[in-house]
Amino acid sequence: MPSRESSQFVPDFLIAGATRCGTTSLHEALAAHSGVCVPRKKEVKYFYDDAQYKRGGAYYATHFSHREDGQICGEVCPLYFEKGFVLTQDGPSSWVPEDDCAARIHRDYPDVSLLFSLRDPIQRAHSIFWKNKWQGRETADDFAQAVDEELIGKRKPEETPFCFVWRNRYHIHLERWLELFPKEQLHVLLFEEWVKNPQIAVDAFQSVMDLPADPQWGAHCFVKSNEGRKLSHPALRSISAIGDKIPLVRSFTRRFLTQPGYPPIDPHVYARLQEEFREDVTFLETFLGRGIDVWLKGV
């Protein structure tokens, strides 16, 4: 790998996770702030994508070439959150724990402020499953089957990214970040809280990022998340993968071709996952220094 050349560009912040936790809304809100420069497209994937990362810091800086004087800068990419996964020539979500996104960020920008939006791990696992199911990437008949296959050992993160329980073991992923960064640099927002009250995100951003003044910016800039919406007709689902890559198509499908809702979680599966994720919730409560009463509430 080429040397990591230094440049004048250093990001002020990274919102590094997690997927299905409202990060599109966070990106769009930050893009509306006159004192913030974010890439013109969400999810640059620089630290996740081997091909991009090998191009070095000068290339990364080109994503912020429109930065104006006085602006702080950073990006939103939820793919950075989970331990061990990067995109290599072998395919997406390859298992490379010794050189994952957290390691790369620490190597290049050890002082950057890091923010994470996290949600109820059961609901997030369910959401990730159905997104992959509707996009044709998941082979299990339903969420219960996928969970069972993982818990009996048929699915392992070293072998497949479709480990919906493991991907939501927040204590594993946060401990990875804590191995590399001091706790003071890590900041967690709870999806359920800031979606209900966007002022929580506003206050967090102003505290963590030291945002420049912008009297036109505030909680009203946080649009409602598209989380929980699905393509309304099976024949239209095949364009979802295209929409992920083409902003105009993505915007169209999200706005016009979706309807609310996922199939409900089986109560027995929910109860099983409540026990599986108890340690993760306790870990995060300790990290935050407060209880989390909006998670694992049952079906």
C-alpha atoms as a PDB file:
ATOM      1  CA  MET A   1       0.000   0.000   0.000  1.00  0.00           C
ATOM      2  CA  PRO A   2       1.342   3.468  -0.822  1.00  0.00           C
ATOM      3  CA  SER A   3       2.353   5.746   1.999  1.00  0.00           C
ATOM      4  CA  ARG A   4      -0.426   7.794   3.521  1.00  0.00           C
ATOM      5  CA  GLU A   5       0.677  11.181   2.285  1.00  0.00           C
ATOM      6  CA  SER A   6      -0.211  14.115   4.466  1.00  0.00           C
ATOM      7  CA  SER A   7      -2.249  16.981   3.083  1.00  0.00           C
ATOM      8  CA  GLN A   8      -3.779  20.178   4.370  1.00  0.00           C
ATOM      9  CA  PHE A   9      -7.165  18.463   4.491  1.00  0.00           C
ATOM     10  CA  VAL A  10      -8.297  16.958   7.793  1.00  0.00           C
ATOM     11  CA  PRO A  11     -11.991  16.150   8.417  1.00  0.00           C
ATOM     12  CA  ASP A  12     -13.512  17.675  11.528  1.00  0.00           C
ATOM     13  CA  PHE A  13     -16.031  14.881  12.052  1.00  0.00           C
ATOM     14  CA  LEU A  14     -17.213  11.530  10.738  1.00  0.00           C
ATOM     15  CA  ILE A  15     -20.679  10.104  11.281  1.00  0.00           C
ATOM     16  CA  ALA A  16     -19.531   6.522  11.008  1.00  0.00           C
ATOM     17  CA  GLY A  17     -22.670   4.523  11.595  1.00  0.00           C
ATOM     18  CA  ALA A  18     -24.828   2.755  11.607  1.00  0.00           C
ATOM     19  CA  THR A  19     -26.817   1.561   8.609  1.00  0.00           C
ATOM     20  CA  ARG A  20     -30.621   1.719   8.894  1.00  0.00           C
ATOM     21  CA  CYS A  21     -30.280   4.356  11.631  1.00  0.00           C
ATOM     22  CA  GLY A  22     -31.333   7.533   9.864  1.00  0.00           C
ATOM     23  CA  THR A  23     -27.949   8.569   8.525  1.00  0.00           C
ATOM     24  CA  THR A  24     -29.456   9.839   5.266  1.00  0.00           C
ATOM     25  CA  SER A  25     -31.472  12.347   7.276  1.00  0.00           C
ATOM     26  CA  LEU A  26     -28.345  13.353   9.203  1.00  0.00           C
ATOM     27  CA  HIS A  27     -26.403  13.879   5.976  1.00  0.00           C
ATOM     28  CA  GLU A  28     -29.156  15.986   4.449  1.00  0.00           C
ATOM     29  CA  ALA A  29     -29.488  18.098   7.597  1.00  0.00           C
ATOM     30  CA  LEU A  30     -25.765  18.798   7.709  1.00  0.00           C
ATOM     31  CA  ALA A  31     -25.747  19.614   3.992  1.00  0.00           C
ATOM     32  CA  ALA A  32     -28.337  22.309   4.715  1.00  0.00           C
ATOM     33  CA  HIS A  33     -26.028  24.071   7.197  1.00  0.00           C
ATOM     34  CA  SER A  34     -24.140  26.973   5.647  1.00  0.00           C
ATOM     35  CA  GLY A  35     -21.135  26.356   7.883  1.00  0.00           C
ATOM     36  CA  VAL A  36     -20.712  22.660   7.061  1.00  0.00           C
ATOM     37  CA  CYS A  37     -19.171  21.010   4.015  1.00  0.00           C
ATOM     38  CA  VAL A  38     -20.124  17.400   3.348  1.00  0.00           C
ATOM     39  CA  PRO A  39     -19.520  15.452   0.125  1.00  0.00           C
ATOM     40  CA  ARG A  40     -22.140  16.084  -2.517  1.00  0.00           C
ATOM     41  CA  LYS A  41     -23.130  12.440  -2.311  1.00  0.00           C
ATOM     42  CA  LYS A  42     -23.655  10.538   0.908  1.00  0.00           C
ATOM     43  CA  GLU A  43     -21.459   7.519   1.619  1.00  0.00           C
ATOM     44  CA  VAL A  44     -18.189   8.273  -0.105  1.00  0.00           C
ATOM     45  CA  LYS A  45     -17.025   4.904   1.327  1.00  0.00           C
ATOM     46  CA  TYR A  46     -13.384   5.975   1.236  1.00  0.00           C
ATOM     47  CA  PHE A  47     -12.287   4.022   4.323  1.00  0.00           C
ATOM     48  CA  TYR A  48     -14.477   1.050   3.379  1.00  0.00           C
ATOM     49  CA  ASP A  49     -13.460   0.674  -0.264  1.00  0.00           C
ATOM     50  CA  ASP A  50      -9.928  -0.688  -0.831  1.00  0.00           C
ATOM     51  CA  ALA A  51      -9.698   0.818  -4.306  1.00  0.00           C
ATOM     52  CA  GLN A  52     -10.476   4.300  -3.006  1.00  0.00           C
ATOM     53  CA  TYR A  53      -8.394   4.028   0.141  1.00  0.00           C
ATOM     54  CA  LYS A  54      -5.278   3.077  -1.793  1.00  0.00           C
ATOM     55  CA  ARG A  55      -5.535   6.366  -3.692  1.00  0.00           C
ATOM     56  CA  GLY A  56      -4.656   8.222  -0.505  1.00  0.00           C
ATOM     57  CA  GLY A  57      -5.582  11.340   1.396  1.00  0.00           C
ATOM     58  CA  ALA A  58      -5.184  13.745  -1.510  1.00  0.00           C
ATOM     59  CA  TYR A  59      -7.877  11.817  -3.364  1.00  0.00           C
ATOM     60  CA  TYR A  60     -10.122  11.809  -0.283  1.00  0.00           C
ATOM     61  CA  ALA A  61      -9.797  15.591  -0.102  1.00  0.00           C
ATOM     62  CA  THR A  62     -11.298  15.944  -3.584  1.00  0.00           C
ATOM     63  CA  HIS A  63     -14.691  15.010  -2.129  1.00  0.00           C
ATOM     64  CA  PHE A  64     -14.533  18.303  -0.219  1.00  0.00           C
ATOM     65  CA  SER A  65     -13.206  20.500  -3.028  1.00  0.00           C
ATOM     66  CA  HIS A  66     -16.306  22.719  -2.765  1.00  0.00           C
ATOM     67  CA  ARG A  67     -15.479  23.639   0.835  1.00  0.00           C
ATOM     68  CA  GLU A  68     -15.755  27.375   1.532  1.00  0.00           C
ATOM     69  CA  ASP A  69     -13.725  29.467   3.954  1.00  0.00           C
ATOM     70  CA  GLY A  70     -14.869  29.005   7.533  1.00  0.00           C
ATOM     71  CA  GLN A  71     -16.724  25.756   6.941  1.00  0.00           C
ATOM     72  CA  ILE A  72     -16.072  22.651   8.986  1.00  0.00           C
ATOM     73  CA  CYS A  73     -16.114  19.422   7.014  1.00  0.00           C
ATOM     74  CA  GLY A  74     -16.839  15.761   7.434  1.00  0.00           C
ATOM     75  CA  GLU A  75     -18.839  12.919   5.978  1.00  0.00           C
ATOM     76  CA  VAL A  76     -21.611  10.474   6.782  1.00  0.00           C
ATOM     77  CA  CYS A  77     -20.918   6.821   5.968  1.00  0.00           C
ATOM     78  CA  PRO A  78     -22.647   4.163   8.095  1.00  0.00           C
ATOM     79  CA  LEU A  79     -20.600   1.368   6.503  1.00  0.00           C
ATOM     80  CA  TYR A  80     -17.654   2.385   8.677  1.00  0.00           C
ATOM     81  CA  PHE A  81     -19.257   1.226  11.937  1.00  0.00           C
ATOM     82  CA  GLU A  82     -19.086  -2.559  11.992  1.00  0.00           C
ATOM     83  CA  LYS A  83     -15.889  -4.294  12.996  1.00  0.00           C
ATOM     84  CA  GLY A  84     -13.909  -6.167  10.368  1.00  0.00           C
ATOM     85  CA  PHE A  85     -15.735  -5.428   7.115  1.00  0.00           C
ATOM     86  CA  VAL A  86     -14.223  -3.688   4.074  1.00  0.00           C
ATOM     87  CA  LEU A  87     -14.787  -3.792   0.326  1.00  0.00           C
ATOM     88  CA  THR A  88     -11.948  -5.623  -1.451  1.00  0.00           C
ATOM     89  CA  GLN A  89     -11.372  -7.096  -4.896  1.00  0.00           C
ATOM     90  CA  ASP A  90     -12.805 -10.314  -3.452  1.00  0.00           C
ATOM     91  CA  GLY A  91     -16.197  -8.667  -3.072  1.00  0.00           C
ATOM     92  CA  PRO A  92     -18.239  -6.448  -0.750  1.00  0.00           C
ATOM     93  CA  SER A  93     -17.990  -6.858   2.997  1.00  0.00           C
ATOM     94  CA  SER A  94     -14.830  -8.944   3.036  1.00  0.00           C
ATOM     95  CA  TRP A  95     -13.582  -9.898   6.499  1.00  0.00           C
ATOM     96  CA  VAL A  96     -10.374  -7.939   7.202  1.00  0.00           C
ATOM     97  CA  PRO A  97     -10.443  -7.230  10.961  1.00  0.00           C
ATOM     98  CA  GLU A  98      -6.818  -6.094  11.195  1.00  0.00           C
ATOM     99  CA  ASP A  99      -7.339  -3.298   8.643  1.00  0.00           C
ATOM    100  CA  ASP A 100     -10.998  -2.386   8.919  1.00  0.00           C
ATOM    101  CA  CYS A 101     -12.570   1.061   8.672  1.00  0.00           C
ATOM    102  CA  ALA A 102     -11.887   1.940  12.308  1.00  0.00           C
ATOM    103  CA  ALA A 103      -8.203   1.075  11.904  1.00  0.00           C
ATOM    104  CA  ARG A 104      -7.900   3.122   8.727  1.00  0.00           C
ATOM    105  CA  ILE A 105      -9.602   6.157  10.232  1.00  0.00           C
ATOM    106  CA  HIS A 106      -7.359   5.982  13.285  1.00  0.00           C
ATOM    107  CA  ARG A 107      -4.250   5.634  11.132  1.00  0.00           C
ATOM    108  CA  ASP A 108      -5.042   8.712   9.055  1.00  0.00           C
ATOM    109  CA  TYR A 109      -7.098  10.978  11.329  1.00  0.00           C
ATOM    110  CA  PRO A 110      -6.617   9.926  14.965  1.00  0.00           C
ATOM    111  CA  ASP A 111      -8.090  13.162  16.344  1.00  0.00           C
ATOM    112  CA  VAL A 112     -11.325  13.245  14.346  1.00  0.00           C
ATOM    113  CA  SER A 113     -14.649  13.499  16.212  1.00  0.00           C
ATOM    114  CA  LEU A 114     -16.745  10.372  15.672  1.00  0.00           C
ATOM    115  CA  LEU A 115     -20.510  10.154  15.891  1.00  0.00           C
ATOM    116  CA  PHE A 116     -22.770   7.117  15.650  1.00  0.00           C
ATOM    117  CA  SER A 117     -26.531   6.863  15.347  1.00  0.00           C
ATOM    118  CA  LEU A 118     -27.714   3.540  16.800  1.00  0.00           C
ATOM    119  CA  ARG A 119     -31.178   2.041  17.125  1.00  0.00           C
ATOM    120  CA  ASP A 120     -32.858  -0.846  18.893  1.00  0.00           C
ATOM    121  CA  PRO A 121     -30.695  -3.809  17.795  1.00  0.00           C
ATOM    122  CA  ILE A 122     -33.689  -6.079  17.214  1.00  0.00           C
ATOM    123  CA  GLN A 123     -35.445  -3.557  15.010  1.00  0.00           C
ATOM    124  CA  ARG A 124     -32.226  -2.806  13.140  1.00  0.00           C
ATOM    125  CA  ALA A 125     -31.519  -6.517  12.538  1.00  0.00           C
ATOM    126  CA  HIS A 126     -35.067  -6.941  11.244  1.00  0.00           C
ATOM    127  CA  SER A 127     -34.700  -3.898   8.987  1.00  0.00           C
ATOM    128  CA  ILE A 128     -31.364  -5.037   7.529  1.00  0.00           C
ATOM    129  CA  PHE A 129     -32.783  -8.502   6.850  1.00  0.00           C
ATOM    130  CA  TRP A 130     -35.784  -7.211   4.914  1.00  0.00           C
ATOM    131  CA  LYS A 131     -33.768  -4.704   2.931  1.00  0.00           C
ATOM    132  CA  ASN A 132     -31.515  -7.537   1.758  1.00  0.00           C
ATOM    133  CA  LYS A 133     -34.492  -9.824   1.181  1.00  0.00           C
ATOM    134  CA  TRP A 134     -36.271  -7.314  -1.036  1.00  0.00           C
ATOM    135  CA  GLN A 135     -33.064  -6.656  -2.948  1.00  0.00           C
ATOM    136  CA  GLY A 136     -32.643 -10.362  -3.681  1.00  0.00           C
ATOM    137  CA  ARG A 137     -29.481 -10.829  -1.615  1.00  0.00           C
ATOM    138  CA  GLU A 138     -30.968 -12.895   1.219  1.00  0.00           C
ATOM    139  CA  THR A 139     -31.882 -16.567   0.776  1.00  0.00           C
ATOM    140  CA  ALA A 140     -33.755 -17.313   4.012  1.00  0.00           C
ATOM    141  CA  ASP A 141     -37.533 -17.491   3.773  1.00  0.00           C
ATOM    142  CA  ASP A 142     -38.020 -15.151   6.702  1.00  0.00           C
ATOM    143  CA  PHE A 143     -36.276 -13.329   9.533  1.00  0.00           C
ATOM    144  CA  ALA A 144     -36.778 -16.211  11.959  1.00  0.00           C
ATOM    145  CA  GLN A 145     -34.891 -18.618   9.685  1.00  0.00           C
ATOM    146  CA  ALA A 146     -31.990 -16.192   9.233  1.00  0.00           C
ATOM    147  CA  VAL A 147     -31.692 -15.659  12.986  1.00  0.00           C
ATOM    148  CA  ASP A 148     -31.804 -19.383  13.669  1.00  0.00           C
ATOM    149  CA  GLU A 149     -29.130 -20.143  11.069  1.00  0.00           C
ATOM    150  CA  GLU A 150     -26.841 -17.607  12.664  1.00  0.00           C
ATOM    151  CA  LEU A 151     -27.395 -18.628  16.266  1.00  0.00           C
ATOM    152  CA  ILE A 152     -26.708 -22.306  15.512  1.00  0.00           C
ATOM    153  CA  GLY A 153     -23.474 -21.364  13.737  1.00  0.00           C
ATOM    154  CA  LYS A 154     -24.393 -21.758  10.064  1.00  0.00           C
ATOM    155  CA  ARG A 155     -23.661 -18.062   9.437  1.00  0.00           C
ATOM    156  CA  LYS A 156     -20.419 -16.462  10.611  1.00  0.00           C
ATOM    157  CA  PRO A 157     -19.149 -12.902   9.999  1.00  0.00           C
ATOM    158  CA  GLU A 158     -15.861 -14.279   8.703  1.00  0.00           C
ATOM    159  CA  GLU A 159     -17.819 -15.955   5.908  1.00  0.00           C
ATOM    160  CA  THR A 160     -20.834 -13.755   5.140  1.00  0.00           C
ATOM    161  CA  PRO A 161     -22.084 -10.216   5.841  1.00  0.00           C
ATOM    162  CA  PHE A 162     -25.596 -11.607   6.324  1.00  0.00           C
ATOM    163  CA  CYS A 163     -25.153 -12.055  10.065  1.00  0.00           C
ATOM    164  CA  PHE A 164     -27.953  -9.897  11.344  1.00  0.00           C
ATOM    165  CA  VAL A 165     -27.421 -10.715  15.011  1.00  0.00           C
ATOM    166  CA  TRP A 166     -23.658 -10.207  14.976  1.00  0.00           C
ATOM    167  CA  ARG A 167     -23.973  -6.916  13.091  1.00  0.00           C
ATOM    168  CA  ASN A 168     -26.057  -5.605  15.983  1.00  0.00           C
ATOM    169  CA  ARG A 169     -23.811  -6.727  18.823  1.00  0.00           C
ATOM    170  CA  TYR A 170     -22.979  -3.142  19.614  1.00  0.00           C
ATOM    171  CA  HIS A 171     -20.556  -3.984  22.386  1.00  0.00           C
ATOM    172  CA  ILE A 172     -18.300  -5.778  19.860  1.00  0.00           C
ATOM    173  CA  HIS A 173     -18.277  -2.885  17.411  1.00  0.00           C
ATOM    174  CA  LEU A 174     -17.960  -0.093  19.972  1.00  0.00           C
ATOM    175  CA  GLU A 175     -15.191  -1.947  21.789  1.00  0.00           C
ATOM    176  CA  ARG A 176     -13.295  -1.968  18.493  1.00  0.00           C
ATOM    177  CA  TRP A 177     -13.544   1.827  18.290  1.00  0.00           C
ATOM    178  CA  LEU A 178     -12.596   2.147  21.961  1.00  0.00           C
ATOM    179  CA  GLU A 179      -9.460   0.088  21.328  1.00  0.00           C
ATOM    180  CA  LEU A 180      -8.304   2.828  18.970  1.00  0.00           C
ATOM    181  CA  PHE A 181      -9.853   6.096  20.138  1.00  0.00           C
ATOM    182  CA  PRO A 182     -10.380   7.678  23.561  1.00  0.00           C
ATOM    183  CA  LYS A 183     -13.977   7.579  24.729  1.00  0.00           C
ATOM    184  CA  GLU A 184     -14.135  11.379  24.619  1.00  0.00           C
ATOM    185  CA  GLN A 185     -13.956  11.251  20.805  1.00  0.00           C
ATOM    186  CA  LEU A 186     -16.901   8.863  20.449  1.00  0.00           C
ATOM    187  CA  HIS A 187     -20.460  10.176  20.580  1.00  0.00           C
ATOM    188  CA  VAL A 188     -23.636   8.101  20.290  1.00  0.00           C
ATOM    189  CA  LEU A 189     -27.117   9.279  19.350  1.00  0.00           C
ATOM    190  CA  LEU A 190     -30.131   6.999  19.753  1.00  0.00           C
ATOM    191  CA  PHE A 191     -32.151   6.876  16.547  1.00  0.00           C
ATOM    192  CA  GLU A 192     -35.514   6.575  18.289  1.00  0.00           C
ATOM    193  CA  GLU A 193     -34.826   9.670  20.390  1.00  0.00           C
ATOM    194  CA  TRP A 194     -33.576  12.100  17.764  1.00  0.00           C
ATOM    195  CA  VAL A 195     -36.160  11.056  15.173  1.00  0.00           C
ATOM    196  CA  LYS A 196     -38.880  11.906  17.679  1.00  0.00           C
ATOM    197  CA  ASN A 197     -37.098  15.084  18.768  1.00  0.00           C
ATOM    198  CA  PRO A 198     -34.565  16.346  16.180  1.00  0.00           C
ATOM    199  CA  GLN A 199     -33.395  19.023  18.596  1.00  0.00           C
ATOM    200  CA  ILE A 200     -31.411  16.240  20.281  1.00  0.00           C
ATOM    201  CA  ALA A 201     -29.346  15.854  17.109  1.00  0.00           C
ATOM    202  CA  VAL A 202     -29.033  19.627  16.727  1.00  0.00           C
ATOM    203  CA  ASP A 203     -27.681  19.944  20.268  1.00  0.00           C
ATOM    204  CA  ALA A 204     -25.281  17.029  19.769  1.00  0.00           C
ATOM    205  CA  PHE A 205     -23.921  18.439  16.526  1.00  0.00           C
ATOM    206  CA  GLN A 206     -23.426  21.877  18.036  1.00  0.00           C
ATOM    207  CA  SER A 207     -21.630  20.396  21.028  1.00  0.00           C
ATOM    208  CA  VAL A 208     -19.448  17.876  19.221  1.00  0.00           C
ATOM    209  CA  MET A 209     -18.705  19.754  16.007  1.00  0.00           C
ATOM    210  CA  ASP A 210     -18.597  23.333  17.268  1.00  0.00           C
ATOM    211  CA  LEU A 211     -20.845  24.344  14.387  1.00  0.00           C
ATOM    212  CA  PRO A 212     -20.541  27.849  12.994  1.00  0.00           C
ATOM    213  CA  ALA A 213     -23.584  30.054  13.500  1.00  0.00           C
ATOM    214  CA  ASP A 214     -26.420  29.633  10.983  1.00  0.00           C
ATOM    215  CA  PRO A 215     -29.730  31.249  12.029  1.00  0.00           C
ATOM    216  CA  GLN A 216     -31.578  29.451   9.220  1.00  0.00           C
ATOM    217  CA  TRP A 217     -30.582  25.991  10.460  1.00  0.00           C
ATOM    218  CA  GLY A 218     -32.238  23.897  13.135  1.00  0.00           C
ATOM    219  CA  ALA A 219     -34.484  20.946  13.928  1.00  0.00           C
ATOM    220  CA  HIS A 220     -36.712  21.696  10.924  1.00  0.00           C
ATOM    221  CA  CYS A 221     -33.826  20.645   8.641  1.00  0.00           C
ATOM    222  CA  PHE A 222     -34.112  17.014   9.738  1.00  0.00           C
ATOM    223  CA  VAL A 223     -36.442  15.307   7.287  1.00  0.00           C
ATOM    224  CA  LYS A 224     -38.378  12.232   8.316  1.00  0.00           C
ATOM    225  CA  SER A 225     -36.425   9.022   7.790  1.00  0.00           C
ATOM    226  CA  ASN A 226     -37.495   6.601   5.049  1.00  0.00           C
ATOM    227  CA  GLU A 227     -36.773   3.742   7.415  1.00  0.00           C
ATOM    228  CA  GLY A 228     -39.440   1.067   7.376  1.00  0.00           C
ATOM    229  CA  ARG A 229     -40.667   1.651   3.827  1.00  0.00           C
ATOM    230  CA  LYS A 230     -40.630  -1.000   1.134  1.00  0.00           C
ATOM    231  CA  LEU A 231     -41.125  -1.212  -2.603  1.00  0.00           C
ATOM    232  CA  SER A 232     -44.844  -1.567  -3.109  1.00  0.00           C
ATOM    233  CA  HIS A 233     -44.811  -4.004  -6.029  1.00  0.00           C
ATOM    234  CA  PRO A 234     -42.527  -7.023  -6.540  1.00  0.00           C
ATOM    235  CA  ALA A 235     -41.841  -6.033 -10.160  1.00  0.00           C
ATOM    236  CA  LEU A 236     -40.362  -2.735  -8.961  1.00  0.00           C
ATOM    237  CA  ARG A 237     -37.969  -4.200  -6.425  1.00  0.00           C
ATOM    238  CA  SER A 238     -35.395  -5.121  -9.049  1.00  0.00           C
ATOM    239  CA  ILE A 239     -34.584  -1.432  -9.553  1.00  0.00           C
ATOM    240  CA  SER A 240     -33.661  -1.011  -5.895  1.00  0.00           C
ATOM    241  CA  ALA A 241     -30.029  -1.980  -6.416  1.00  0.00           C
ATOM    242  CA  ILE A 242     -29.808   0.493  -9.302  1.00  0.00           C
ATOM    243  CA  GLY A 243     -31.341   3.153  -7.103  1.00  0.00           C
ATOM    244  CA  ASP A 244     -28.647   2.628  -4.509  1.00  0.00           C
ATOM    245  CA  LYS A 245     -26.094   3.809  -7.079  1.00  0.00           C
ATOM    246  CA  ILE A 246     -28.033   6.478  -8.994  1.00  0.00           C
ATOM    247  CA  PRO A 247     -29.312   9.331  -6.793  1.00  0.00           C
ATOM    248  CA  LEU A 248     -32.210  10.305  -9.071  1.00  0.00           C
ATOM    249  CA  VAL A 249     -33.507   6.732  -9.197  1.00  0.00           C
ATOM    250  CA  ARG A 250     -33.005   6.308  -5.446  1.00  0.00           C
ATOM    251  CA  SER A 251     -34.976   9.468  -4.741  1.00  0.00           C
ATOM    252  CA  PHE A 252     -37.788   8.363  -7.062  1.00  0.00           C
ATOM    253  CA  THR A 253     -38.147   4.888  -5.574  1.00  0.00           C
ATOM    254  CA  ARG A 254     -38.100   6.155  -2.001  1.00  0.00           C
ATOM    255  CA  ARG A 255     -40.619   8.900  -2.654  1.00  0.00           C
ATOM    256  CA  PHE A 256     -43.106   7.314  -5.043  1.00  0.00           C
ATOM    257  CA  LEU A 257     -42.778   3.543  -5.154  1.00  0.00           C
ATOM    258  CA  THR A 258     -42.766   2.639  -1.486  1.00  0.00           C
ATOM    259  CA  GLN A 259     -45.275   1.853   1.175  1.00  0.00           C
ATOM    260  CA  PRO A 260     -44.800   1.641   4.939  1.00  0.00           C
ATOM    261  CA  GLY A 261     -44.022  -1.442   6.881  1.00  0.00           C
ATOM    262  CA  TYR A 262     -42.175  -4.711   7.375  1.00  0.00           C
ATOM    263  CA  PRO A 263     -43.729  -8.063   8.233  1.00  0.00           C
ATOM    264  CA  PRO A 264     -43.966  -8.198  12.039  1.00  0.00           C
ATOM    265  CA  ILE A 265     -41.347  -9.958  14.132  1.00  0.00           C
ATOM    266  CA  ASP A 266     -42.479 -13.290  15.530  1.00  0.00           C
ATOM    267  CA  PRO A 267     -42.894 -12.881  19.329  1.00  0.00           C
ATOM    268  CA  HIS A 268     -40.779 -15.971  20.024  1.00  0.00           C
ATOM    269  CA  VAL A 269     -37.958 -14.624  17.853  1.00  0.00           C
ATOM    270  CA  TYR A 270     -38.248 -11.254  19.570  1.00  0.00           C
ATOM    271  CA  ALA A 271     -37.990 -12.834  23.020  1.00  0.00           C
ATOM    272  CA  ARG A 272     -34.958 -14.833  21.907  1.00  0.00           C
ATOM    273  CA  LEU A 273     -33.236 -11.705  20.610  1.00  0.00           C
ATOM    274  CA  GLN A 274     -34.056  -9.742  23.733  1.00  0.00           C
ATOM    275  CA  GLU A 275     -31.790 -12.118  25.630  1.00  0.00           C
ATOM    276  CA  GLU A 276     -29.157 -12.144  22.886  1.00  0.00           C
ATOM    277  CA  PHE A 277     -28.857  -8.352  22.910  1.00  0.00           C
ATOM    278  CA  ARG A 278     -29.162  -7.747  26.649  1.00  0.00           C
ATOM    279  CA  GLU A 279     -25.373  -7.446  27.012  1.00  0.00           C
ATOM    280  CA  ASP A 280     -25.188  -4.950  24.175  1.00  0.00           C
ATOM    281  CA  VAL A 281     -27.830  -2.694  25.674  1.00  0.00           C
ATOM    282  CA  THR A 282     -26.164  -2.858  29.091  1.00  0.00           C
ATOM    283  CA  PHE A 283     -22.808  -2.011  27.518  1.00  0.00           C
ATOM    284  CA  LEU A 284     -24.248   1.009  25.743  1.00  0.00           C
ATOM    285  CA  GLU A 285     -26.066   2.173  28.874  1.00  0.00           C
ATOM    286  CA  THR A 286     -22.743   2.126  30.707  1.00  0.00           C
ATOM    287  CA  PHE A 287     -21.090   3.988  27.828  1.00  0.00           C
ATOM    288  CA  LEU A 288     -23.809   6.658  27.852  1.00  0.00           C
ATOM    289  CA  GLY A 289     -24.084   6.800  31.629  1.00  0.00           C
ATOM    290  CA  ARG A 290     -27.875   6.427  31.538  1.00  0.00           C
ATOM    291  CA  GLY A 291     -30.606   3.918  30.894  1.00  0.00           C
ATOM    292  CA  ILE A 292     -32.091   3.203  27.474  1.00  0.00           C
ATOM    293  CA  ASP A 293     -35.829   2.784  27.878  1.00  0.00           C
ATOM    294  CA  VAL A 294     -36.713   2.902  24.170  1.00  0.00           C
ATOM    295  CA  TRP A 295     -35.110  -0.442  23.254  1.00  0.00           C
ATOM    296  CA  LEU A 296     -36.111  -4.114  23.684  1.00  0.00           C
ATOM    297  CA  LYS A 297     -39.654  -3.129  24.613  1.00  0.00           C
ATOM    298  CA  GLY A 298     -41.361  -6.152  23.081  1.00  0.00           C
ATOM    299  CA  VAL A 299     -43.807  -6.604  20.210  1.00  0.00           C
END
